[in-house]
Structures are given as C-alpha cells and as structure tokens.
C-alpha cells in the first residue's frame, strides 16, 4: 500500500507532464516528397530584395527621401517606392544613395509588373551596369535582371529570350573529354543556388513555351562540368513539367546515366508525374537491379504516385520480397497503405498472415490503421486477441487499434477478456491516450479494483496525466483513505 501511496502522490504533481506520444518511423516516408517538391518549386531568393538597406548617411541630401522610399517598399507599396527611388536617382545623382536607389527602383518597378514597367526595369539595370558596376555585379542584381528578362520573354521579347537561354546554359557544347574535375570558372568555387543567375534563368525557362525550353534543358542535362550539377537537378523538375513526347525519355536517360546521385534521384522522383507506362518499367528495373536503398526508396515513392495500376502491382510484388532490407520493404508497405483501396487492404491482411517477420507485421498494422472507417479496426482487434501471435505484435495491434477507428465500447470490453498482465498494461496505456471521459472512468475503476497492484499503479500513473477534474478528487480520496 505504501508503494501505491507514493505513486498517487507522484501522480498529483505530474499533471503538467506531456502526454506520451507514439509515432511510427514509416510516417516519415512522405517527407521526401515534400522536400523534393519544395526544392524544385523554390524560387531563388533575392539577397536584398524585400527590404532596402537601412539609411547610412544622415548628412546626405537624399537621406529623408531614401527613408520614405524604403518604408514604401517595406509595406509593399511598390508603385510609390519606385517613384521615390527614381526621384533620388534623378535629383541626386551624386548621392551615396543613388546606386542602391537605382537598383531598388528596378526591383519595385519589376514588382509592379506589366510590359512597360518591365522594360523600364531592364533599362534601369542596364544603367546600373554602366554607372555602378560594383552594385551590378552583385548576385541579386544579376538575378533580378534574369527574372525581368524571363517575364519579358514570356511576352515575346526575342532579345530577352536569347539572354535567358544563354544564361541558363552558358556552355552549350561541353567537351565530354574534358577533365571532369576542372572548374569552368577558372578555379573559383561554384556559385550557390541563391547566388546563381543560371538557376534564375532556368526558372524563367519554365515560363517559356516547351518548344523553346526543351532543347535548352536537354543541353543542360548533357553537361558534366562540376558547376552544372545544381542546374541538372533543377532541370529534372522543369522537364517533368513540360509534357512533350520527349519528357519520359529525357528523365529515363538521366535516371540511368547521370553520374550524380542527386540528379538520378530527382529524375526518378519526377518520373512519377509522367503519364507514360515506360516509367513504370524503368522504376521496376531499378527495384530489381539496384542495391542503392536511396534510389529504391525514390522508385517506390514514384510508383505509388504513378497513375498506372501497374505501379501498385509492382509495389505489391516488392513488398513480398524477402531478399531486400526491412526498411525498404517497409516503405513499399507504407505507400501501399496510402492508396486505401479494397484490393490493397486485402493484400496487406494476406501478407500479414503469411510473413514471419515481426517488423513487417508492425508496418502492415500501421498502414492498415491509417485507413479508418473501412473495417480495419476489427482486423487489428482480432490480431490483438490472437494468442498465436507474439505479445509484442499483439500490443502493437492494440495500440494502432486505439489510435485508429476502434470504438470505445470495443476497447473497454477487451480488459476482461485479456487476462495477460502485459496486454492489460498496454490496454491501460491505450485508454489513457483516448482522452475520452469513459476511459477516465475505466482507469479509475482499474485503480480501485484490479487485483494486480502493478496494474493499479499503472492506472494511477496515467490518471495523473489527465486534466479531468474527477481525477484529482479521486487521487486525494485515495491518499486520505
């Protein structure tokens, strides 16, 4: 009894303890999709594009005007900001603020949009190159010029289309025999994505029509110089968005032949967006022949997203393989579970009964628990009550049933039907996670009446995590007995 009193006292002071939260490693499998899409769709950031530098020359005659222009830009009033920055350039050409103002005039004008404004922005940037070359050489200024040109190219400006094309692929005829380690930028480090105007040019290509963009993208993908790798990664996404007769072939070749692993992975990832049956054949071949688990995981995801019914069949075949790692096989099971159709559910249940691998059983139970309202809760409860399964498997089934769609009445009825202490202990935990007043009553009843003192202590501990006002009174009554 003394031990139980100590447990009760501890429970009273632990109400602020966060409720235990259990996750499944498999849920992290969806992360790669989000990360890859974000990387592909991310527009490169302007280093100084949202807010102009703080004023730095209080004695300058343009100081007060610069403050007004900067404030207008910060609040998103691009028209007013452009007007004020232009006034500085025109009235105070010798001001310390003139160069920055010319750049931000171009930026604000670009933000206003429209063909006439875009042409004014290009003219301002050309003037910046002549009058303030140090500012013009900054990465943000070159990128802004590429962005503006990209918008004009969409409107049919041939000169800007040519500029975007040249910047996206400044080395259109790479020498395949060149030293692969030679840096084409004369020994300098390759530019980062944020500073690389070529990335901005590729973004602009996405806005151009496929007939113009695809030949350039193909040339970019064929490059092998070290600084071309980020371009080739970006090109995989851009190619996937251009639905031409060549799209699947280009991605398939890159997935097979590109020397860079990230490029190959991106090609595989974006194959999922291409409605071509050959993509399924290619992905299946990767699963059969590759031992690179990262590539296998990318292929599994791509198959799960492909519109072809064959993709699901390939996933089912892979999920049954005993010659691959549990991690990769588990990914196949996870992606099958995300589809949620009757055929997949029956396959997973059948696979559960056939496999002896407990880790795979756990993956299957989790996948089934994610599909609510289709009868999977009954299957999970049947597994929990099946004494031919190991206790650990039964406990997992019970947990996922509690997290899934099992009803309160079904879970409550299990306590009297499961005499094993380990299973009852798991039930107490499952009850504590449901945040249902009925289960508070159930836990109080166990804490009062169960013959096993260890189970009573478990019930008291989890009651201590509850915010139900009845719990505090129950615990005080128990102390004062």
Protein backbone atom coordinates (compact mmCIF):
# COMPACT_ATOMS: atom_id res chain seq x y z
CA UNK A 1 0.00 0.00 0.00
CA UNK A 2 2.91 2.35 0.80
CA UNK A 3 4.19 1.98 -2.77
CA UNK A 4 0.78 2.86 -4.19
CA UNK A 5 0.62 5.97 -1.96
CA UNK A 6 3.95 7.11 -3.41
CA UNK A 7 2.61 6.57 -6.91
CA UNK A 8 -0.54 8.57 -6.08
CA UNK A 9 1.50 11.47 -4.67
CA UNK A 10 3.74 11.50 -7.74
CA UNK A 11 0.68 11.47 -9.97
CA UNK A 12 -0.75 14.55 -8.27
CA UNK A 13 2.40 16.52 -9.08
CA UNK A 14 2.75 15.26 -12.65
CA UNK A 15 -0.33 16.78 -14.20
CA UNK A 16 1.79 19.06 -16.33
CA UNK A 17 3.72 16.16 -17.85
CA UNK A 18 3.10 15.99 -21.57
CA UNK A 19 1.05 13.04 -22.74
CA UNK A 20 3.21 10.31 -24.22
CA UNK A 21 3.13 10.49 -27.97
CA UNK A 22 3.98 7.49 -30.10
CA UNK A 23 4.86 7.76 -33.75
CA UNK A 24 5.82 5.31 -36.45
CA UNK A 25 9.03 5.73 -38.40
CA UNK A 26 7.15 4.92 -41.55
CA UNK A 27 5.20 8.18 -41.45
CA UNK A 28 8.46 9.96 -42.17
CA UNK A 29 8.40 8.38 -45.63
CA UNK A 30 6.20 11.14 -47.01
CA UNK A 31 8.91 13.70 -46.13
CA UNK A 32 10.98 13.12 -49.20
CA UNK A 33 8.05 14.11 -51.43
CA UNK A 34 7.51 17.37 -49.74
CA UNK A 35 11.22 18.17 -49.57
CA UNK A 36 11.79 17.43 -53.23
CA UNK A 37 8.77 19.42 -54.39
CA UNK A 38 9.78 22.37 -52.24
CA UNK A 39 13.30 22.27 -53.60
CA UNK A 40 12.04 22.08 -57.17
CA UNK A 41 9.46 24.83 -56.89
CA UNK A 42 11.51 27.23 -54.72
CA UNK A 43 12.25 30.50 -56.49
CA UNK A 44 15.74 31.66 -55.66
CA UNK A 45 15.74 34.38 -53.04
CA UNK A 46 16.87 37.92 -53.64
CA UNK A 47 19.68 38.66 -51.24
CA UNK A 48 18.40 42.21 -50.76
CA UNK A 49 15.02 42.14 -52.44
CA UNK A 50 12.45 42.58 -49.69
CA UNK A 51 13.87 45.43 -47.66
CA UNK A 52 16.38 48.04 -48.75
CA UNK A 53 19.42 48.60 -46.52
CA UNK A 54 18.93 50.84 -43.51
CA UNK A 55 19.87 54.51 -44.04
CA UNK A 56 23.59 55.05 -43.52
CA UNK A 57 24.31 58.72 -44.39
CA UNK A 58 22.30 61.17 -42.29
CA UNK A 59 24.00 64.22 -43.84
CA UNK A 60 23.23 63.14 -47.39
CA UNK A 61 20.63 65.39 -49.10
CA UNK A 62 18.70 62.30 -50.23
CA UNK A 63 18.58 60.72 -46.78
CA UNK A 64 14.99 61.65 -45.90
CA UNK A 65 13.72 60.72 -49.37
CA UNK A 66 15.51 57.37 -49.14
CA UNK A 67 13.81 56.66 -45.79
CA UNK A 68 10.40 57.31 -47.37
CA UNK A 69 11.19 55.08 -50.35
CA UNK A 70 12.48 52.31 -48.12
CA UNK A 71 9.34 52.46 -45.96
CA UNK A 72 7.08 52.28 -49.03
CA UNK A 73 8.96 49.21 -50.28
CA UNK A 74 8.72 47.52 -46.87
CA UNK A 75 4.95 47.90 -46.73
CA UNK A 76 4.53 46.58 -50.28
CA UNK A 77 3.62 49.87 -51.96
CA UNK A 78 5.80 49.17 -54.98
CA UNK A 79 4.46 51.98 -57.15
CA UNK A 80 5.21 54.61 -54.52
CA UNK A 81 8.60 53.06 -53.77
CA UNK A 82 9.54 53.10 -57.47
CA UNK A 83 8.54 56.75 -57.77
CA UNK A 84 10.60 57.77 -54.72
CA UNK A 85 13.69 55.76 -55.62
CA UNK A 86 13.58 57.22 -59.15
CA UNK A 87 13.35 60.73 -57.70
CA UNK A 88 16.58 60.14 -55.78
CA UNK A 89 18.36 58.95 -58.94
CA UNK A 90 17.13 61.96 -60.96
CA UNK A 91 17.57 64.69 -58.34
CA UNK A 92 20.67 63.49 -56.50
CA UNK A 93 22.86 61.57 -58.97
CA UNK A 94 25.93 62.19 -56.77
CA UNK A 95 24.24 60.97 -53.58
CA UNK A 96 25.62 58.00 -51.66
CA UNK A 97 22.13 56.55 -52.07
CA UNK A 98 21.94 56.85 -55.86
CA UNK A 99 23.29 53.41 -56.76
CA UNK A 100 21.14 51.50 -54.28
CA UNK A 101 18.13 53.60 -55.28
CA UNK A 102 18.60 52.72 -58.94
CA UNK A 103 18.66 49.01 -58.08
CA UNK A 104 15.56 49.27 -55.87
CA UNK A 105 13.78 51.36 -58.47
CA UNK A 106 14.29 48.47 -60.89
CA UNK A 107 13.16 45.98 -58.27
CA UNK A 108 10.00 47.89 -57.30
CA UNK A 109 9.15 48.51 -60.97
CA UNK A 110 9.53 44.78 -61.66
CA UNK A 111 7.15 44.11 -58.78
CA UNK A 112 4.54 46.46 -60.28
CA UNK A 113 4.60 44.39 -63.49
CA UNK A 114 3.34 44.97 -66.98
CA UNK A 115 5.39 45.11 -70.17
CA UNK A 116 6.16 48.83 -70.00
CA UNK A 117 7.29 48.64 -66.37
CA UNK A 118 9.40 45.56 -67.07
CA UNK A 119 11.17 47.39 -69.90
CA UNK A 120 11.80 50.32 -67.55
CA UNK A 121 13.30 47.90 -65.04
CA UNK A 122 15.65 46.46 -67.69
CA UNK A 123 16.73 49.95 -68.72
CA UNK A 124 17.44 50.79 -65.08
CA UNK A 125 19.52 47.67 -64.64
CA UNK A 126 21.47 48.42 -67.81
CA UNK A 127 22.17 51.90 -66.44
CA UNK A 128 23.23 50.29 -63.15
CA UNK A 129 25.84 48.25 -65.04
CA UNK A 130 27.27 51.39 -66.62
CA UNK A 131 27.17 53.79 -63.67
CA UNK A 132 27.50 51.48 -60.65
CA UNK A 133 29.28 48.32 -61.82
CA UNK A 134 30.09 47.14 -58.29
CA UNK A 135 26.40 47.00 -57.42
CA UNK A 136 25.54 45.49 -60.80
CA UNK A 137 27.95 42.64 -60.24
CA UNK A 138 26.16 41.56 -57.07
CA UNK A 139 24.30 38.27 -57.30
CA UNK A 140 20.92 39.84 -56.55
CA UNK A 141 21.27 42.44 -59.32
CA UNK A 142 22.20 39.82 -61.94
CA UNK A 143 19.37 37.59 -60.79
CA UNK A 144 16.87 40.44 -60.91
CA UNK A 145 17.88 41.15 -64.50
CA UNK A 146 17.37 37.50 -65.39
CA UNK A 147 13.95 37.46 -63.74
CA UNK A 148 12.83 40.60 -65.50
CA UNK A 149 14.08 39.22 -68.80
CA UNK A 150 12.23 35.99 -68.13
CA UNK A 151 8.97 37.89 -67.74
CA UNK A 152 9.60 39.81 -70.96
CA UNK A 153 10.49 36.57 -72.77
CA UNK A 154 7.05 35.26 -71.86
CA UNK A 155 5.64 38.32 -73.60
CA UNK A 156 7.55 37.57 -76.79
CA UNK A 157 10.70 39.64 -76.31
CA UNK A 158 13.22 37.83 -78.54
CA UNK A 159 16.30 39.55 -77.10
CA UNK A 160 15.35 38.61 -73.55
CA UNK A 161 14.51 35.05 -74.59
CA UNK A 162 18.02 34.79 -76.04
CA UNK A 163 19.53 36.24 -72.85
CA UNK A 164 17.66 33.76 -70.63
CA UNK A 165 18.71 30.90 -72.88
CA UNK A 166 22.38 31.90 -72.78
CA UNK A 167 22.40 32.35 -69.03
CA UNK A 168 20.69 29.03 -68.40
CA UNK A 169 23.29 27.21 -70.46
CA UNK A 170 26.44 29.30 -70.83
CA UNK A 171 28.42 26.25 -72.05
CA UNK A 172 26.10 24.66 -74.65
CA UNK A 173 28.78 22.44 -76.20
CA UNK A 174 30.60 20.76 -73.32
CA UNK A 175 33.65 18.73 -74.21
CA UNK A 176 32.97 15.18 -72.97
CA UNK A 177 36.71 14.51 -72.86
CA UNK A 178 37.46 17.46 -70.62
CA UNK A 179 38.86 16.85 -67.17
CA UNK A 180 35.74 16.12 -65.07
CA UNK A 181 37.30 17.83 -62.06
CA UNK A 182 38.20 21.04 -63.86
CA UNK A 183 36.20 24.03 -62.70
CA UNK A 184 34.94 26.02 -65.70
CA UNK A 185 35.01 29.19 -63.61
CA UNK A 186 38.79 29.46 -63.51
CA UNK A 187 39.31 27.82 -60.18
CA UNK A 188 36.59 29.75 -58.34
CA UNK A 189 34.00 27.91 -56.27
CA UNK A 190 30.73 27.08 -57.92
CA UNK A 191 28.00 29.61 -57.06
CA UNK A 192 25.36 28.66 -54.53
CA UNK A 193 21.76 28.22 -55.63
CA UNK A 194 20.82 31.56 -54.08
CA UNK A 195 23.52 33.46 -55.98
CA UNK A 196 23.49 31.58 -59.27
CA UNK A 197 21.86 33.55 -62.07
CA UNK A 198 21.75 30.35 -64.12
CA UNK A 199 19.18 28.94 -61.66
CA UNK A 200 17.09 32.07 -62.10
CA UNK A 201 17.38 31.63 -65.85
CA UNK A 202 16.12 28.06 -65.59
CA UNK A 203 13.18 29.31 -63.53
CA UNK A 204 12.45 31.71 -66.36
CA UNK A 205 12.62 28.86 -68.87
CA UNK A 206 9.73 27.19 -67.04
CA UNK A 207 7.58 30.13 -68.07
CA UNK A 208 8.53 29.85 -71.74
CA UNK A 209 6.84 27.50 -74.18
CA UNK A 210 8.09 23.90 -74.43
CA UNK A 211 9.39 24.29 -77.98
CA UNK A 212 11.89 26.89 -76.79
CA UNK A 213 12.66 25.41 -73.39
CA UNK A 214 13.16 21.72 -74.09
CA UNK A 215 16.25 22.00 -76.37
CA UNK A 216 17.98 24.16 -73.77
CA UNK A 217 17.06 21.83 -70.94
CA UNK A 218 18.42 18.87 -72.91
CA UNK A 219 21.72 20.68 -73.37
CA UNK A 220 21.88 21.47 -69.66
CA UNK A 221 21.24 17.82 -68.76
CA UNK A 222 24.09 16.67 -71.04
CA UNK A 223 26.63 18.87 -69.24
CA UNK A 224 29.15 17.22 -66.93
CA UNK A 225 31.25 20.08 -65.54
CA UNK A 226 31.19 20.31 -61.72
CA UNK A 227 29.20 23.53 -61.57
CA UNK A 228 26.43 22.09 -63.74
CA UNK A 229 25.12 19.67 -61.09
CA UNK A 230 22.61 22.06 -59.47
CA UNK A 231 21.44 23.03 -62.96
CA UNK A 232 20.83 19.40 -63.86
CA UNK A 233 18.93 18.85 -60.60
CA UNK A 234 16.70 21.83 -61.39
CA UNK A 235 16.31 20.69 -64.99
CA UNK A 236 14.76 17.38 -63.86
CA UNK A 237 11.82 19.23 -62.39
CA UNK A 238 11.47 21.58 -65.34
CA UNK A 239 11.49 18.71 -67.83
CA UNK A 240 8.76 16.91 -65.86
CA UNK A 241 6.54 19.99 -66.20
CA UNK A 242 6.88 20.06 -70.00
CA UNK A 243 4.51 17.42 -71.28
CA UNK A 244 6.10 16.59 -74.61
CA UNK A 245 6.80 13.32 -76.40
CA UNK A 246 10.41 13.56 -75.16
CA UNK A 247 9.71 14.09 -71.45
CA UNK A 248 9.76 10.45 -70.35
CA UNK A 249 12.82 9.62 -72.48
CA UNK A 250 14.85 12.50 -71.05
CA UNK A 251 14.06 11.60 -67.45
CA UNK A 252 14.67 7.90 -68.09
CA UNK A 253 18.09 8.57 -69.60
CA UNK A 254 19.07 10.81 -66.70
CA UNK A 255 17.86 8.26 -64.15
CA UNK A 256 20.02 5.60 -65.79
CA UNK A 257 23.10 7.52 -66.86
CA UNK A 258 23.71 10.76 -64.97
CA UNK A 259 26.91 10.46 -62.89
CA UNK A 260 25.48 12.43 -59.97
CA UNK A 261 23.33 10.55 -57.47
CA UNK A 262 21.13 13.53 -56.62
CA UNK A 263 20.35 14.11 -60.29
CA UNK A 264 19.42 10.44 -60.72
CA UNK A 265 17.23 10.56 -57.64
CA UNK A 266 15.42 13.66 -58.86
CA UNK A 267 14.87 12.10 -62.28
CA UNK A 268 13.32 9.06 -60.61
CA UNK A 269 11.21 11.24 -58.33
CA UNK A 270 9.75 13.28 -61.19
CA UNK A 271 9.07 10.20 -63.29
CA UNK A 272 6.05 9.79 -61.00
CA UNK A 273 4.49 12.82 -62.71
CA UNK A 274 4.90 11.48 -66.22
CA UNK A 275 1.88 9.51 -67.55
CA UNK A 276 3.96 7.02 -69.51
CA UNK A 277 3.95 3.25 -68.94
CA UNK A 278 7.66 3.10 -69.72
CA UNK A 279 8.25 4.99 -66.49
CA UNK A 280 6.78 2.04 -64.57
CA UNK A 281 9.10 -0.36 -66.43
CA UNK A 282 12.09 1.82 -65.58
CA UNK A 283 11.14 2.07 -61.91
CA UNK A 284 10.57 -1.66 -61.72
CA UNK A 285 14.00 -2.25 -63.24
CA UNK A 286 15.57 -0.06 -60.53
CA UNK A 287 13.90 -2.14 -57.83
CA UNK A 288 15.12 -5.34 -59.42
CA UNK A 289 18.71 -4.38 -60.19
CA UNK A 290 19.78 -1.59 -57.82
CA UNK A 291 21.12 -2.17 -54.32
CA UNK A 292 21.13 1.55 -53.55
CA UNK A 293 18.39 1.93 -50.95
CA UNK A 294 18.00 5.67 -51.54
CA UNK A 295 17.26 5.04 -55.21
CA UNK A 296 14.94 2.18 -54.30
CA UNK A 297 13.02 4.44 -51.92
CA UNK A 298 12.68 7.10 -54.62
CA UNK A 299 11.44 4.45 -57.05
CA UNK A 300 8.88 3.15 -54.55
CA UNK A 301 7.52 6.63 -53.98
CA UNK A 302 7.35 7.34 -57.71
CA UNK A 303 5.44 4.10 -58.28
CA UNK A 304 3.00 5.00 -55.50
CA UNK A 305 2.23 8.29 -57.25
CA UNK A 306 2.04 6.98 -60.78
CA UNK A 307 -1.44 6.86 -62.26
CA UNK A 308 -0.90 3.45 -63.77
CA UNK A 309 -2.47 0.49 -61.99
CA UNK A 310 0.71 -1.41 -62.74
CA UNK A 311 2.55 0.77 -60.26
CA UNK A 312 0.51 -0.70 -57.42
CA UNK A 313 1.14 -4.21 -58.68
CA UNK A 314 4.91 -3.61 -58.69
CA UNK A 315 4.68 -2.29 -55.13
CA UNK A 316 2.81 -5.43 -54.03
CA UNK A 317 5.43 -7.65 -55.62
CA UNK A 318 8.24 -5.74 -53.92
CA UNK A 319 6.52 -5.84 -50.51
CA UNK A 320 6.66 -9.65 -50.65
CA UNK A 321 10.38 -9.88 -51.36
CA UNK A 322 12.48 -11.44 -48.62
CA UNK A 323 15.81 -10.51 -50.23
CA UNK A 324 15.62 -6.74 -49.54
CA UNK A 325 16.11 -4.80 -46.33
CA UNK A 326 13.25 -4.40 -43.89
CA UNK A 327 13.49 -0.61 -44.20
CA UNK A 328 12.96 -0.54 -47.95
CA UNK A 329 10.33 -3.26 -47.86
CA UNK A 330 8.56 -1.28 -45.14
CA UNK A 331 8.45 1.72 -47.45
CA UNK A 332 6.62 -0.33 -50.06
CA UNK A 333 4.08 -1.36 -47.42
CA UNK A 334 3.70 2.23 -46.27
CA UNK A 335 2.99 3.54 -49.76
CA UNK A 336 0.55 0.71 -50.42
CA UNK A 337 -1.30 1.73 -47.28
CA UNK A 338 -1.65 5.28 -48.52
CA UNK A 339 -3.66 4.15 -51.53
CA UNK A 340 -6.52 2.91 -49.33
CA UNK A 341 -8.46 0.73 -51.78
CA UNK A 342 -10.09 -2.62 -51.01
CA UNK A 343 -7.60 -4.60 -53.10
CA UNK A 344 -4.66 -3.15 -51.20
CA UNK A 345 -6.29 -3.75 -47.81
CA UNK A 346 -6.89 -7.40 -48.60
CA UNK A 347 -3.36 -7.78 -49.89
CA UNK A 348 -1.88 -6.32 -46.69
CA UNK A 349 -4.02 -8.55 -44.50
CA UNK A 350 -2.97 -11.57 -46.51
CA UNK A 351 0.69 -10.58 -46.32
CA UNK A 352 0.37 -10.18 -42.55
CA UNK A 353 -0.84 -13.76 -42.18
CA UNK A 354 1.96 -15.10 -44.40
CA UNK A 355 5.01 -13.22 -43.12
CA UNK A 356 7.02 -14.31 -40.09
CA UNK A 357 8.89 -11.00 -39.94
CA UNK A 358 7.65 -9.07 -36.91
CA UNK A 359 8.93 -5.74 -38.20
CA UNK A 360 6.92 -6.23 -41.40
CA UNK A 361 3.88 -7.16 -39.32
CA UNK A 362 4.26 -3.89 -37.44
CA UNK A 363 4.48 -1.93 -40.71
CA UNK A 364 1.36 -3.63 -42.02
CA UNK A 365 -0.58 -2.93 -38.82
CA UNK A 366 0.38 0.73 -39.01
CA UNK A 367 -0.60 1.02 -42.69
CA UNK A 368 -3.99 -0.55 -42.01
CA UNK A 369 -4.58 1.74 -39.02
CA UNK A 370 -4.28 4.78 -41.30
CA UNK A 371 -7.37 3.73 -43.25
CA UNK A 372 -10.31 4.44 -41.00
CA UNK A 373 -13.94 3.50 -41.43
CA UNK A 374 -13.32 0.50 -43.70
CA UNK A 375 -13.24 -2.33 -41.15
CA UNK A 376 -9.52 -2.39 -40.45
CA UNK A 377 -10.16 -1.76 -36.74
CA UNK A 378 -11.78 -5.19 -36.47
CA UNK A 379 -8.75 -6.83 -38.08
CA UNK A 380 -6.44 -5.01 -35.62
CA UNK A 381 -8.53 -6.09 -32.63
CA UNK A 382 -8.59 -9.68 -33.91
CA UNK A 383 -4.78 -9.62 -34.09
CA UNK A 384 -4.61 -8.17 -30.57
CA UNK A 385 -6.70 -11.07 -29.28
CA UNK A 386 -4.90 -13.78 -31.25
CA UNK A 387 -2.72 -15.70 -28.78
CA UNK A 388 -0.85 -17.35 -31.65
CA UNK A 389 0.83 -14.01 -32.35
CA UNK A 390 3.66 -12.80 -30.13
CA UNK A 391 2.79 -10.46 -27.29
CA UNK A 392 4.74 -7.64 -28.96
CA UNK A 393 2.76 -7.96 -32.19
CA UNK A 394 -0.50 -8.07 -30.24
CA UNK A 395 0.49 -4.98 -28.27
CA UNK A 396 1.25 -3.10 -31.49
CA UNK A 397 -2.10 -4.14 -32.97
CA UNK A 398 -3.84 -2.95 -29.81
CA UNK A 399 -2.06 0.38 -29.89
CA UNK A 400 -2.87 1.05 -33.55
CA UNK A 401 -6.47 -0.02 -32.99
CA UNK A 402 -6.66 2.56 -30.22
CA UNK A 403 -5.13 5.21 -32.47
CA UNK A 404 -7.36 4.21 -35.36
CA UNK A 405 -11.07 3.65 -35.57
CA UNK A 406 -11.78 1.08 -32.84
CA UNK A 407 -14.83 2.10 -30.84
CA UNK A 408 -14.71 2.90 -27.14
CA UNK A 409 -17.06 0.05 -26.28
CA UNK A 410 -14.89 -2.49 -28.16
CA UNK A 411 -11.74 -1.36 -26.37
CA UNK A 412 -13.40 -1.26 -22.97
CA UNK A 413 -14.69 -4.82 -23.37
CA UNK A 414 -11.19 -6.16 -24.03
CA UNK A 415 -9.91 -5.67 -20.49
CA UNK A 416 -11.95 -8.51 -19.03
CA UNK A 417 -11.19 -10.77 -22.00
CA UNK A 418 -7.39 -10.35 -21.83
CA UNK A 419 -6.03 -11.98 -18.66
CA UNK A 420 -2.34 -11.45 -19.54
CA UNK A 421 -0.74 -8.68 -17.49
CA UNK A 422 1.28 -7.33 -20.43
CA UNK A 423 -1.80 -6.95 -22.59
CA UNK A 424 -3.75 -5.33 -19.78
CA UNK A 425 -0.90 -2.92 -19.19
CA UNK A 426 -0.99 -1.99 -22.90
CA UNK A 427 -4.76 -1.53 -22.67
CA UNK A 428 -4.31 0.88 -19.75
CA UNK A 429 -1.90 2.89 -21.89
CA UNK A 430 -4.30 2.82 -24.87
CA UNK A 431 -7.15 4.02 -22.65
CA UNK A 432 -5.00 6.90 -21.41
CA UNK A 433 -4.40 8.09 -24.98
CA UNK A 434 -8.07 8.29 -25.99
CA UNK A 435 -8.94 11.44 -23.99
CA UNK A 436 -12.47 10.12 -23.52
CA UNK A 437 -14.32 10.59 -20.19
CA UNK A 438 -15.49 6.95 -20.42
CA UNK A 439 -11.89 5.80 -20.29
CA UNK A 440 -11.19 8.02 -17.28
CA UNK A 441 -13.94 6.07 -15.54
CA UNK A 442 -12.36 2.84 -16.75
CA UNK A 443 -8.95 3.79 -15.39
CA UNK A 444 -10.42 4.86 -12.04
CA UNK A 445 -12.19 1.52 -11.82
CA UNK A 446 -8.94 -0.36 -12.56
CA UNK A 447 -7.07 1.76 -9.99
CA UNK A 448 -9.69 0.89 -7.39
CA UNK A 449 -10.47 -2.74 -8.06
CA UNK A 450 -7.82 -4.59 -10.09
CA UNK A 451 -6.24 -7.39 -8.06
CA UNK A 452 -2.80 -6.76 -9.59
CA UNK A 453 -1.05 -3.94 -7.67
CA UNK A 454 1.25 -3.23 -10.63
CA UNK A 455 -1.72 -2.63 -12.90
CA UNK A 456 -3.33 -0.42 -10.28
CA UNK A 457 -0.13 1.64 -10.13
CA UNK A 458 -0.08 1.92 -13.96
CA UNK A 459 -3.67 3.15 -13.98
CA UNK A 460 -2.87 5.71 -11.26
CA UNK A 461 0.18 6.94 -13.19
CA UNK A 462 -1.78 7.55 -16.39
CA UNK A 463 -4.65 9.13 -14.46
CA UNK A 464 -2.07 11.62 -13.19
CA UNK A 465 -1.60 12.79 -16.78
CA UNK A 466 -5.29 13.57 -17.20
CA UNK A 467 -6.84 17.02 -16.84
CA UNK A 468 -10.24 15.58 -15.96
CA UNK A 469 -11.37 17.32 -12.70
CA UNK A 470 -12.64 14.00 -11.31
CA UNK A 471 -9.10 12.59 -11.30
CA UNK A 472 -7.67 15.00 -8.73
CA UNK A 473 -10.50 14.28 -6.34
CA UNK A 474 -10.09 10.53 -6.84
CA UNK A 475 -6.36 10.72 -6.10
CA UNK A 476 -6.94 12.86 -2.98
CA UNK A 477 -9.57 10.42 -1.76
CA UNK A 478 -7.14 7.57 -2.33
CA UNK A 479 -4.43 9.32 -0.28
CA UNK A 480 -6.83 10.09 2.56
CA UNK A 481 -8.22 6.58 2.90
